[in-house]
Amino acid sequence: MQEILKGIEALFPLGSVIELRVPSKPTVVGYFRNRQKLAAVIANMSGKYAAVYYTLNSPEYGLYDNSPHKDEALANINATRDDQITHRDWLLVDCDP
């Protein structure tokens, strides 16, 4: 879990809202500000799903503030839409063979 936490700390400034996604049927989504809880959820879900990841661009704070399920990952909740990204933190490049 320490390595997961190091990655979170390297990528996200303190106080960031971080969206966790698990593409499954149905998709699992969570909004986190608590880094320890996020790292614990990632560690718990890793290996149980084909992919467990966090989005690298910042969603609106309101998605976290208005969520009744803060710092939890749940199925059947809406993920961040493109128009709910507040700014780009990283240039994302996906390279496949």
PDB file of N, CA and C in Angstrom:
ATOM      1  N   MET A   1       0.816  -1.194   0.000  1.00  0.00           N
ATOM      2  CA  MET A   1       0.000   0.000   0.000  1.00  0.00           C
ATOM      3  C   MET A   1       0.865   1.266   0.000  1.00  0.00           C
ATOM      4  N   GLN A   2       2.054   1.205   0.554  1.00  0.00           N
ATOM      5  CA  GLN A   2       2.942   2.368   0.593  1.00  0.00           C
ATOM      6  C   GLN A   2       3.314   2.840  -0.810  1.00  0.00           C
ATOM      7  N   GLU A   3       3.533   1.908  -1.729  1.00  0.00           N
ATOM      8  CA  GLU A   3       3.880   2.284  -3.097  1.00  0.00           C
ATOM      9  C   GLU A   3       2.698   2.955  -3.793  1.00  0.00           C
ATOM     10  N   ILE A   4       1.502   2.480  -3.544  1.00  0.00           N
ATOM     11  CA  ILE A   4       0.306   3.112  -4.099  1.00  0.00           C
ATOM     12  C   ILE A   4       0.194   4.544  -3.565  1.00  0.00           C
ATOM     13  N   LEU A   5       0.403   4.714  -2.291  1.00  0.00           N
ATOM     14  CA  LEU A   5       0.329   6.030  -1.667  1.00  0.00           C
ATOM     15  C   LEU A   5       1.391   6.970  -2.235  1.00  0.00           C
ATOM     16  N   LYS A   6       2.582   6.470  -2.497  1.00  0.00           N
ATOM     17  CA  LYS A   6       3.635   7.292  -3.103  1.00  0.00           C
ATOM     18  C   LYS A   6       3.207   7.804  -4.474  1.00  0.00           C
ATOM     19  N   GLY A   7       2.569   6.942  -5.263  1.00  0.00           N
ATOM     20  CA  GLY A   7       2.082   7.362  -6.575  1.00  0.00           C
ATOM     21  C   GLY A   7       1.024   8.442  -6.475  1.00  0.00           C
ATOM     22  N   ILE A   8       0.103   8.272  -5.545  1.00  0.00           N
ATOM     23  CA  ILE A   8      -0.950   9.268  -5.335  1.00  0.00           C
ATOM     24  C   ILE A   8      -0.335  10.603  -4.925  1.00  0.00           C
ATOM     25  N   GLU A   9       0.610  10.571  -4.006  1.00  0.00           N
ATOM     26  CA  GLU A   9       1.246  11.799  -3.528  1.00  0.00           C
ATOM     27  C   GLU A   9       2.051  12.487  -4.625  1.00  0.00           C
ATOM     28  N   ALA A  10       2.650  11.713  -5.532  1.00  0.00           N
ATOM     29  CA  ALA A  10       3.445  12.290  -6.620  1.00  0.00           C
ATOM     30  C   ALA A  10       2.561  12.960  -7.677  1.00  0.00           C
ATOM     31  N   LEU A  11       1.365  12.431  -7.879  1.00  0.00           N
ATOM     32  CA  LEU A  11       0.518  12.910  -8.973  1.00  0.00           C
ATOM     33  C   LEU A  11      -0.495  13.974  -8.584  1.00  0.00           C
ATOM     34  N   PHE A  12      -0.900  14.012  -7.317  1.00  0.00           N
ATOM     35  CA  PHE A  12      -2.002  14.885  -6.923  1.00  0.00           C
ATOM     36  C   PHE A  12      -1.596  15.805  -5.773  1.00  0.00           C
ATOM     37  N   PRO A  13      -1.788  17.123  -5.958  1.00  0.00           N
ATOM     38  CA  PRO A  13      -1.515  18.047  -4.848  1.00  0.00           C
ATOM     39  C   PRO A  13      -2.436  17.749  -3.656  1.00  0.00           C
ATOM     40  N   LEU A  14      -1.974  18.049  -2.473  1.00  0.00           N
ATOM     41  CA  LEU A  14      -2.762  17.853  -1.263  1.00  0.00           C
ATOM     42  C   LEU A  14      -4.091  18.594  -1.392  1.00  0.00           C
ATOM     43  N   GLY A  15      -5.172  17.943  -1.038  1.00  0.00           N
ATOM     44  CA  GLY A  15      -6.498  18.539  -1.117  1.00  0.00           C
ATOM     45  C   GLY A  15      -7.221  18.281  -2.421  1.00  0.00           C
ATOM     46  N   SER A  16      -6.566  17.612  -3.355  1.00  0.00           N
ATOM     47  CA  SER A  16      -7.193  17.311  -4.644  1.00  0.00           C
ATOM     48  C   SER A  16      -8.359  16.358  -4.486  1.00  0.00           C
ATOM     49  N   VAL A  17      -9.330  16.493  -5.384  1.00  0.00           N
ATOM     50  CA  VAL A  17     -10.370  15.484  -5.515  1.00  0.00           C
ATOM     51  C   VAL A  17      -9.860  14.485  -6.544  1.00  0.00           C
ATOM     52  N   ILE A  18      -9.865  13.220  -6.176  1.00  0.00           N
ATOM     53  CA  ILE A  18      -9.342  12.163  -7.049  1.00  0.00           C
ATOM     54  C   ILE A  18     -10.475  11.192  -7.338  1.00  0.00           C
ATOM     55  N   GLU A  19     -10.682  10.920  -8.619  1.00  0.00           N
ATOM     56  CA  GLU A  19     -11.729   9.977  -9.015  1.00  0.00           C
ATOM     57  C   GLU A  19     -11.116   8.602  -9.264  1.00  0.00           C
ATOM     58  N   LEU A  20     -11.635   7.607  -8.600  1.00  0.00           N
ATOM     59  CA  LEU A  20     -11.250   6.214  -8.806  1.00  0.00           C
ATOM     60  C   LEU A  20     -12.265   5.580  -9.745  1.00  0.00           C
ATOM     61  N   ARG A  21     -11.772   4.780 -10.699  1.00  0.00           N
ATOM     62  CA  ARG A  21     -12.675   4.049 -11.593  1.00  0.00           C
ATOM     63  C   ARG A  21     -12.235   2.601 -11.707  1.00  0.00           C
ATOM     64  N   VAL A  22     -13.220   1.738 -11.741  1.00  0.00           N
ATOM     65  CA  VAL A  22     -12.996   0.313 -11.971  1.00  0.00           C
ATOM     66  C   VAL A  22     -13.969  -0.090 -13.078  1.00  0.00           C
ATOM     67  N   PRO A  23     -13.453  -0.252 -14.314  1.00  0.00           N
ATOM     68  CA  PRO A  23     -14.340  -0.633 -15.407  1.00  0.00           C
ATOM     69  C   PRO A  23     -14.790  -2.082 -15.243  1.00  0.00           C
ATOM     70  N   SER A  24     -16.012  -2.248 -14.824  1.00  0.00           N
ATOM     71  CA  SER A  24     -16.598  -3.561 -14.609  1.00  0.00           C
ATOM     72  C   SER A  24     -18.070  -3.447 -14.960  1.00  0.00           C
ATOM     73  N   LYS A  25     -18.819  -4.467 -14.750  1.00  0.00           N
ATOM     74  CA  LYS A  25     -20.268  -4.430 -14.979  1.00  0.00           C
ATOM     75  C   LYS A  25     -20.969  -4.524 -13.641  1.00  0.00           C
ATOM     76  N   PRO A  26     -21.493  -3.468 -13.096  1.00  0.00           N
ATOM     77  CA  PRO A  26     -21.413  -2.070 -13.519  1.00  0.00           C
ATOM     78  C   PRO A  26     -20.085  -1.422 -13.108  1.00  0.00           C
ATOM     79  N   THR A  27     -19.811  -0.270 -13.697  1.00  0.00           N
ATOM     80  CA  THR A  27     -18.589   0.461 -13.373  1.00  0.00           C
ATOM     81  C   THR A  27     -18.624   0.905 -11.912  1.00  0.00           C
ATOM     82  N   VAL A  28     -17.483   0.790 -11.243  1.00  0.00           N
ATOM     83  CA  VAL A  28     -17.329   1.242  -9.862  1.00  0.00           C
ATOM     84  C   VAL A  28     -16.615   2.594  -9.898  1.00  0.00           C
ATOM     85  N   VAL A  29     -17.158   3.563  -9.170  1.00  0.00           N
ATOM     86  CA  VAL A  29     -16.616   4.925  -9.158  1.00  0.00           C
ATOM     87  C   VAL A  29     -16.553   5.409  -7.713  1.00  0.00           C
ATOM     88  N   GLY A  30     -15.547   6.209  -7.425  1.00  0.00           N
ATOM     89  CA  GLY A  30     -15.458   6.842  -6.112  1.00  0.00           C
ATOM     90  C   GLY A  30     -14.728   8.158  -6.203  1.00  0.00           C
ATOM     91  N   TYR A  31     -15.126   9.109  -5.374  1.00  0.00           N
ATOM     92  CA  TYR A  31     -14.450  10.401  -5.276  1.00  0.00           C
ATOM     93  C   TYR A  31     -13.773  10.479  -3.917  1.00  0.00           C
ATOM     94  N   PHE A  32     -12.475  10.784  -3.942  1.00  0.00           N
ATOM     95  CA  PHE A  32     -11.658  10.744  -2.731  1.00  0.00           C
ATOM     96  C   PHE A  32     -10.896  12.044  -2.536  1.00  0.00           C
ATOM     97  N   ARG A  33     -10.760  12.436  -1.313  1.00  0.00           N
ATOM     98  CA  ARG A  33      -9.812  13.473  -0.884  1.00  0.00           C
ATOM     99  C   ARG A  33      -8.866  12.873   0.153  1.00  0.00           C
ATOM    100  N   ASN A  34      -9.302  11.800   0.797  1.00  0.00           N
ATOM    101  CA  ASN A  34      -8.482  11.109   1.789  1.00  0.00           C
ATOM    102  C   ASN A  34      -7.570  10.116   1.061  1.00  0.00           C
ATOM    103  N   ARG A  35      -6.301  10.441   1.005  1.00  0.00           N
ATOM    104  CA  ARG A  35      -5.334   9.618   0.258  1.00  0.00           C
ATOM    105  C   ARG A  35      -5.168   8.220   0.847  1.00  0.00           C
ATOM    106  N   GLN A  36      -5.194   8.121   2.158  1.00  0.00           N
ATOM    107  CA  GLN A  36      -5.041   6.811   2.813  1.00  0.00           C
ATOM    108  C   GLN A  36      -6.198   5.884   2.438  1.00  0.00           C
ATOM    109  N   LYS A  37      -7.415   6.419   2.453  1.00  0.00           N
ATOM    110  CA  LYS A  37      -8.579   5.602   2.099  1.00  0.00           C
ATOM    111  C   LYS A  37      -8.523   5.198   0.635  1.00  0.00           C
ATOM    112  N   LEU A  38      -8.104   6.117  -0.240  1.00  0.00           N
ATOM    113  CA  LEU A  38      -7.972   5.792  -1.659  1.00  0.00           C
ATOM    114  C   LEU A  38      -6.953   4.678  -1.860  1.00  0.00           C
ATOM    115  N   ALA A  39      -5.797   4.795  -1.239  1.00  0.00           N
ATOM    116  CA  ALA A  39      -4.756   3.772  -1.370  1.00  0.00           C
ATOM    117  C   ALA A  39      -5.245   2.418  -0.860  1.00  0.00           C
ATOM    118  N   ALA A  40      -5.998   2.422   0.231  1.00  0.00           N
ATOM    119  CA  ALA A  40      -6.526   1.172   0.791  1.00  0.00           C
ATOM    120  C   ALA A  40      -7.534   0.528  -0.159  1.00  0.00           C
ATOM    121  N   VAL A  41      -8.412   1.337  -0.771  1.00  0.00           N
ATOM    122  CA  VAL A  41      -9.387   0.796  -1.723  1.00  0.00           C
ATOM    123  C   VAL A  41      -8.676   0.227  -2.942  1.00  0.00           C
ATOM    124  N   ILE A  42      -7.680   0.946  -3.462  1.00  0.00           N
ATOM    125  CA  ILE A  42      -6.926   0.450  -4.617  1.00  0.00           C
ATOM    126  C   ILE A  42      -6.240  -0.866  -4.276  1.00  0.00           C
ATOM    127  N   ALA A  43      -5.595  -0.934  -3.131  1.00  0.00           N
ATOM    128  CA  ALA A  43      -4.908  -2.164  -2.718  1.00  0.00           C
ATOM    129  C   ALA A  43      -5.892  -3.319  -2.583  1.00  0.00           C
ATOM    130  N   ASN A  44      -7.062  -3.046  -2.032  1.00  0.00           N
ATOM    131  CA  ASN A  44      -8.071  -4.083  -1.839  1.00  0.00           C
ATOM    132  C   ASN A  44      -8.647  -4.582  -3.168  1.00  0.00           C
ATOM    133  N   MET A  45      -8.822  -3.691  -4.133  1.00  0.00           N
ATOM    134  CA  MET A  45      -9.444  -4.064  -5.406  1.00  0.00           C
ATOM    135  C   MET A  45      -8.453  -4.617  -6.430  1.00  0.00           C
ATOM    136  N   SER A  46      -7.184  -4.281  -6.286  1.00  0.00           N
ATOM    137  CA  SER A  46      -6.179  -4.732  -7.248  1.00  0.00           C
ATOM    138  C   SER A  46      -6.116  -6.244  -7.299  1.00  0.00           C
ATOM    139  N   GLY A  47      -6.118  -6.776  -8.511  1.00  0.00           N
ATOM    140  CA  GLY A  47      -6.088  -8.214  -8.697  1.00  0.00           C
ATOM    141  C   GLY A  47      -7.464  -8.846  -8.760  1.00  0.00           C
ATOM    142  N   LYS A  48      -8.479  -8.114  -8.316  1.00  0.00           N
ATOM    143  CA  LYS A  48      -9.847  -8.624  -8.366  1.00  0.00           C
ATOM    144  C   LYS A  48     -10.573  -8.174  -9.636  1.00  0.00           C
ATOM    145  N   TYR A  49     -10.046  -7.138 -10.283  1.00  0.00           N
ATOM    146  CA  TYR A  49     -10.628  -6.575 -11.494  1.00  0.00           C
ATOM    147  C   TYR A  49      -9.536  -6.452 -12.550  1.00  0.00           C
ATOM    148  N   ALA A  50      -9.954  -6.360 -13.804  1.00  0.00           N
ATOM    149  CA  ALA A  50      -8.992  -6.217 -14.899  1.00  0.00           C
ATOM    150  C   ALA A  50      -8.225  -4.904 -14.803  1.00  0.00           C
ATOM    151  N   ALA A  51      -8.866  -3.862 -14.278  1.00  0.00           N
ATOM    152  CA  ALA A  51      -8.214  -2.554 -14.143  1.00  0.00           C
ATOM    153  C   ALA A  51      -8.789  -1.801 -12.952  1.00  0.00           C
ATOM    154  N   VAL A  52      -7.915  -1.146 -12.231  1.00  0.00           N
ATOM    155  CA  VAL A  52      -8.295  -0.242 -11.151  1.00  0.00           C
ATOM    156  C   VAL A  52      -7.404   0.980 -11.338  1.00  0.00           C
ATOM    157  N   TYR A  53      -8.020   2.143 -11.548  1.00  0.00           N
ATOM    158  CA  TYR A  53      -7.201   3.319 -11.810  1.00  0.00           C
ATOM    159  C   TYR A  53      -7.864   4.576 -11.295  1.00  0.00           C
ATOM    160  N   TYR A  54      -7.061   5.657 -11.230  1.00  0.00           N
ATOM    161  CA  TYR A  54      -7.603   6.966 -10.920  1.00  0.00           C
ATOM    162  C   TYR A  54      -7.405   7.846 -12.134  1.00  0.00           C
ATOM    163  N   THR A  55      -8.357   8.768 -12.330  1.00  0.00           N
ATOM    164  CA  THR A  55      -8.234   9.689 -13.456  1.00  0.00           C
ATOM    165  C   THR A  55      -7.204  10.752 -13.099  1.00  0.00           C
ATOM    166  N   LEU A  56      -6.488  11.228 -14.105  1.00  0.00           N
ATOM    167  CA  LEU A  56      -5.382  12.148 -13.844  1.00  0.00           C
ATOM    168  C   LEU A  56      -5.753  13.619 -13.958  1.00  0.00           C
ATOM    169  N   ASN A  57      -6.919  13.923 -14.487  1.00  0.00           N
ATOM    170  CA  ASN A  57      -7.353  15.317 -14.575  1.00  0.00           C
ATOM    171  C   ASN A  57      -8.365  15.612 -13.476  1.00  0.00           C
ATOM    172  N   SER A  58      -8.360  16.839 -13.011  1.00  0.00           N
ATOM    173  CA  SER A  58      -9.133  17.215 -11.824  1.00  0.00           C
ATOM    174  C   SER A  58     -10.618  17.383 -12.107  1.00  0.00           C
ATOM    175  N   PRO A  59     -11.458  16.594 -11.413  1.00  0.00           N
ATOM    176  CA  PRO A  59     -12.904  16.812 -11.530  1.00  0.00           C
ATOM    177  C   PRO A  59     -13.333  17.979 -10.647  1.00  0.00           C
ATOM    178  N   GLU A  60     -14.538  18.474 -10.891  1.00  0.00           N
ATOM    179  CA  GLU A  60     -15.103  19.550 -10.067  1.00  0.00           C
ATOM    180  C   GLU A  60     -15.140  19.125  -8.596  1.00  0.00           C
ATOM    181  N   TYR A  61     -14.835  20.059  -7.711  1.00  0.00           N
ATOM    182  CA  TYR A  61     -14.909  19.764  -6.276  1.00  0.00           C
ATOM    183  C   TYR A  61     -16.324  19.393  -5.859  1.00  0.00           C
ATOM    184  N   GLY A  62     -17.317  19.934  -6.561  1.00  0.00           N
ATOM    185  CA  GLY A  62     -18.705  19.651  -6.239  1.00  0.00           C
ATOM    186  C   GLY A  62     -19.064  18.179  -6.351  1.00  0.00           C
ATOM    187  N   LEU A  63     -18.365  17.436  -7.212  1.00  0.00           N
ATOM    188  CA  LEU A  63     -18.636  16.004  -7.334  1.00  0.00           C
ATOM    189  C   LEU A  63     -18.336  15.289  -6.021  1.00  0.00           C
ATOM    190  N   TYR A  64     -17.312  15.733  -5.344  1.00  0.00           N
ATOM    191  CA  TYR A  64     -16.989  15.185  -4.027  1.00  0.00           C
ATOM    192  C   TYR A  64     -17.896  15.798  -2.961  1.00  0.00           C
ATOM    193  N   ASP A  65     -17.997  17.113  -2.980  1.00  0.00           N
ATOM    194  CA  ASP A  65     -18.761  17.818  -1.944  1.00  0.00           C
ATOM    195  C   ASP A  65     -20.222  17.390  -1.908  1.00  0.00           C
ATOM    196  N   ASN A  66     -20.803  17.108  -3.067  1.00  0.00           N
ATOM    197  CA  ASN A  66     -22.221  16.750  -3.152  1.00  0.00           C
ATOM    198  C   ASN A  66     -22.475  15.245  -3.074  1.00  0.00           C
ATOM    199  N   SER A  67     -21.419  14.462  -2.998  1.00  0.00           N
ATOM    200  CA  SER A  67     -21.578  13.012  -2.944  1.00  0.00           C
ATOM    201  C   SER A  67     -21.946  12.559  -1.526  1.00  0.00           C
ATOM    202  N   PRO A  68     -22.971  11.719  -1.402  1.00  0.00           N
ATOM    203  CA  PRO A  68     -23.283  11.178  -0.076  1.00  0.00           C
ATOM    204  C   PRO A  68     -22.297  10.072   0.327  1.00  0.00           C
ATOM    205  N   HIS A  69     -21.451   9.664  -0.609  1.00  0.00           N
ATOM    206  CA  HIS A  69     -20.513   8.557  -0.372  1.00  0.00           C
ATOM    207  C   HIS A  69     -19.075   9.041  -0.555  1.00  0.00           C
ATOM    208  N   LYS A  70     -18.654   9.950   0.286  1.00  0.00           N
ATOM    209  CA  LYS A  70     -17.304  10.489   0.190  1.00  0.00           C
ATOM    210  C   LYS A  70     -16.276   9.426   0.591  1.00  0.00           C
ATOM    211  N   ASP A  71     -15.184   9.390  -0.167  1.00  0.00           N
ATOM    212  CA  ASP A  71     -14.062   8.485   0.118  1.00  0.00           C
ATOM    213  C   ASP A  71     -14.483   7.023   0.134  1.00  0.00           C
ATOM    214  N   GLU A  72     -15.401   6.659  -0.776  1.00  0.00           N
ATOM    215  CA  GLU A  72     -15.844   5.284  -0.972  1.00  0.00           C
ATOM    216  C   GLU A  72     -15.956   5.015  -2.467  1.00  0.00           C
ATOM    217  N   ALA A  73     -15.800   3.782  -2.858  1.00  0.00           N
ATOM    218  CA  ALA A  73     -16.004   3.373  -4.244  1.00  0.00           C
ATOM    219  C   ALA A  73     -17.247   2.498  -4.310  1.00  0.00           C
ATOM    220  N   LEU A  74     -18.177   2.875  -5.195  1.00  0.00           N
ATOM    221  CA  LEU A  74     -19.451   2.177  -5.289  1.00  0.00           C
ATOM    222  C   LEU A  74     -19.839   1.938  -6.739  1.00  0.00           C
ATOM    223  N   ALA A  75     -20.621   0.917  -6.966  1.00  0.00           N
ATOM    224  CA  ALA A  75     -21.159   0.648  -8.295  1.00  0.00           C
ATOM    225  C   ALA A  75     -22.394   1.509  -8.521  1.00  0.00           C
ATOM    226  N   ASN A  76     -22.686   1.716  -9.783  1.00  0.00           N
ATOM    227  CA  ASN A  76     -23.910   2.418 -10.201  1.00  0.00           C
ATOM    228  C   ASN A  76     -23.980   3.885  -9.789  1.00  0.00           C
ATOM    229  N   ILE A  77     -22.842   4.556  -9.699  1.00  0.00           N
ATOM    230  CA  ILE A  77     -22.879   6.015  -9.552  1.00  0.00           C
ATOM    231  C   ILE A  77     -22.208   6.606 -10.785  1.00  0.00           C
ATOM    232  N   ASN A  78     -22.541   7.842 -11.097  1.00  0.00           N
ATOM    233  CA  ASN A  78     -22.032   8.472 -12.309  1.00  0.00           C
ATOM    234  C   ASN A  78     -20.564   8.843 -12.170  1.00  0.00           C
ATOM    235  N   ALA A  79     -19.823   8.620 -13.244  1.00  0.00           N
ATOM    236  CA  ALA A  79     -18.433   9.043 -13.312  1.00  0.00           C
ATOM    237  C   ALA A  79     -18.377  10.482 -13.841  1.00  0.00           C
ATOM    238  N   THR A  80     -17.210  11.077 -13.788  1.00  0.00           N
ATOM    239  CA  THR A  80     -17.010  12.440 -14.252  1.00  0.00           C
ATOM    240  C   THR A  80     -17.189  12.522 -15.765  1.00  0.00           C
ATOM    241  N   ARG A  81     -17.980  13.502 -16.200  1.00  0.00           N
ATOM    242  CA  ARG A  81     -18.128  13.787 -17.629  1.00  0.00           C
ATOM    243  C   ARG A  81     -17.018  14.754 -18.052  1.00  0.00           C
ATOM    244  N   ASP A  82     -16.767  14.828 -19.351  1.00  0.00           N
ATOM    245  CA  ASP A  82     -15.728  15.723 -19.869  1.00  0.00           C
ATOM    246  C   ASP A  82     -15.941  17.169 -19.429  1.00  0.00           C
ATOM    247  N   ASP A  83     -17.199  17.629 -19.396  1.00  0.00           N
ATOM    248  CA  ASP A  83     -17.452  19.021 -19.029  1.00  0.00           C
ATOM    249  C   ASP A  83     -17.338  19.261 -17.520  1.00  0.00           C
ATOM    250  N   GLN A  84     -17.041  18.222 -16.752  1.00  0.00           N
ATOM    251  CA  GLN A  84     -16.852  18.367 -15.302  1.00  0.00           C
ATOM    252  C   GLN A  84     -15.373  18.347 -14.904  1.00  0.00           C
ATOM    253  N   ILE A  85     -14.483  18.359 -15.893  1.00  0.00           N
ATOM    254  CA  ILE A  85     -13.050  18.472 -15.632  1.00  0.00           C
ATOM    255  C   ILE A  85     -12.721  19.952 -15.474  1.00  0.00           C
ATOM    256  N   THR A  86     -12.131  20.328 -14.350  1.00  0.00           N
ATOM    257  CA  THR A  86     -11.861  21.744 -14.095  1.00  0.00           C
ATOM    258  C   THR A  86     -10.601  22.230 -14.791  1.00  0.00           C
ATOM    259  N   HIS A  87      -9.585  21.398 -14.863  1.00  0.00           N
ATOM    260  CA  HIS A  87      -8.355  21.747 -15.569  1.00  0.00           C
ATOM    261  C   HIS A  87      -7.547  20.485 -15.836  1.00  0.00           C
ATOM    262  N   ARG A  88      -6.606  20.622 -16.742  1.00  0.00           N
ATOM    263  CA  ARG A  88      -5.733  19.499 -17.099  1.00  0.00           C
ATOM    264  C   ARG A  88      -4.463  19.596 -16.262  1.00  0.00           C
ATOM    265  N   ASP A  89      -4.187  18.539 -15.506  1.00  0.00           N
ATOM    266  CA  ASP A  89      -2.965  18.494 -14.707  1.00  0.00           C
ATOM    267  C   ASP A  89      -1.821  17.822 -15.459  1.00  0.00           C
ATOM    268  N   TRP A  90      -2.169  16.917 -16.337  1.00  0.00           N
ATOM    269  CA  TRP A  90      -1.190  16.107 -17.033  1.00  0.00           C
ATOM    270  C   TRP A  90      -1.571  15.968 -18.499  1.00  0.00           C
ATOM    271  N   LEU A  91      -0.572  15.836 -19.362  1.00  0.00           N
ATOM    272  CA  LEU A  91      -0.803  15.496 -20.758  1.00  0.00           C
ATOM    273  C   LEU A  91      -0.804  13.977 -20.834  1.00  0.00           C
ATOM    274  N   LEU A  92      -1.930  13.411 -21.188  1.00  0.00           N
ATOM    275  CA  LEU A  92      -2.077  11.962 -21.198  1.00  0.00           C
ATOM    276  C   LEU A  92      -1.737  11.397 -22.566  1.00  0.00           C
ATOM    277  N   VAL A  93      -0.856  10.429 -22.604  1.00  0.00           N
ATOM    278  CA  VAL A  93      -0.474   9.768 -23.840  1.00  0.00           C
ATOM    279  C   VAL A  93      -0.647   8.269 -23.637  1.00  0.00           C
ATOM    280  N   ASP A  94      -1.408   7.648 -24.513  1.00  0.00           N
ATOM    281  CA  ASP A  94      -1.652   6.201 -24.445  1.00  0.00           C
ATOM    282  C   ASP A  94      -0.982   5.567 -25.651  1.00  0.00           C
ATOM    283  N   CYS A  95      -0.004   4.717 -25.409  1.00  0.00           N
ATOM    284  CA  CYS A  95       0.724   4.056 -26.504  1.00  0.00           C
ATOM    285  C   CYS A  95       0.507   2.567 -26.418  1.00  0.00           C
ATOM    286  N   ASP A  96       0.007   1.996 -27.485  1.00  0.00           N
ATOM    287  CA  ASP A  96      -0.222   0.566 -27.543  1.00  0.00           C
ATOM    288  C   ASP A  96       0.617  -0.027 -28.667  1.00  0.00           C
ATOM    289  N   PRO A  97       1.024  -1.293 -28.506  1.00  0.00           N
ATOM    290  CA  PRO A  97       1.819  -1.909 -29.587  1.00  0.00           C
ATOM    291  C   PRO A  97       0.972  -2.153 -30.826  1.00  0.00           C
TER     292      PRO A  97
END
